[in-house]
C-alpha cells in the first residue's frame, strides 16, 4: 500500500508491506532472532524519489530507491 507520511514540513511517500527475512550469519543479529529461521514483520519503506509518476510505486522501476525502513511490528517466527 502506498501512502504519504508528514513529519513536520516534510511529506514523503511510503510503501507499507511485510518483510520476510532469514539471518544466516552475522554479528549484528537482533535480539531473540535465531540464525537460519524465517521471520516476518510489517514495515513502512520511505521512498527517496517518487519519480515521474508518484502513483506508480513498484519495485520494478529503478527510479525508486529507499531511504529508511520503519518497523511497524516486531519480528515473529514464520510458521
Foldseek 3Di string as FASTA:
>chain_A
DWDWDDDPNDIFIKDKDKDKDAAQDDDPDDPPHDHPFIKMFIKIWTWPDCPPDVVDDDPVDPVTDTDDIGTPDDIDTDD
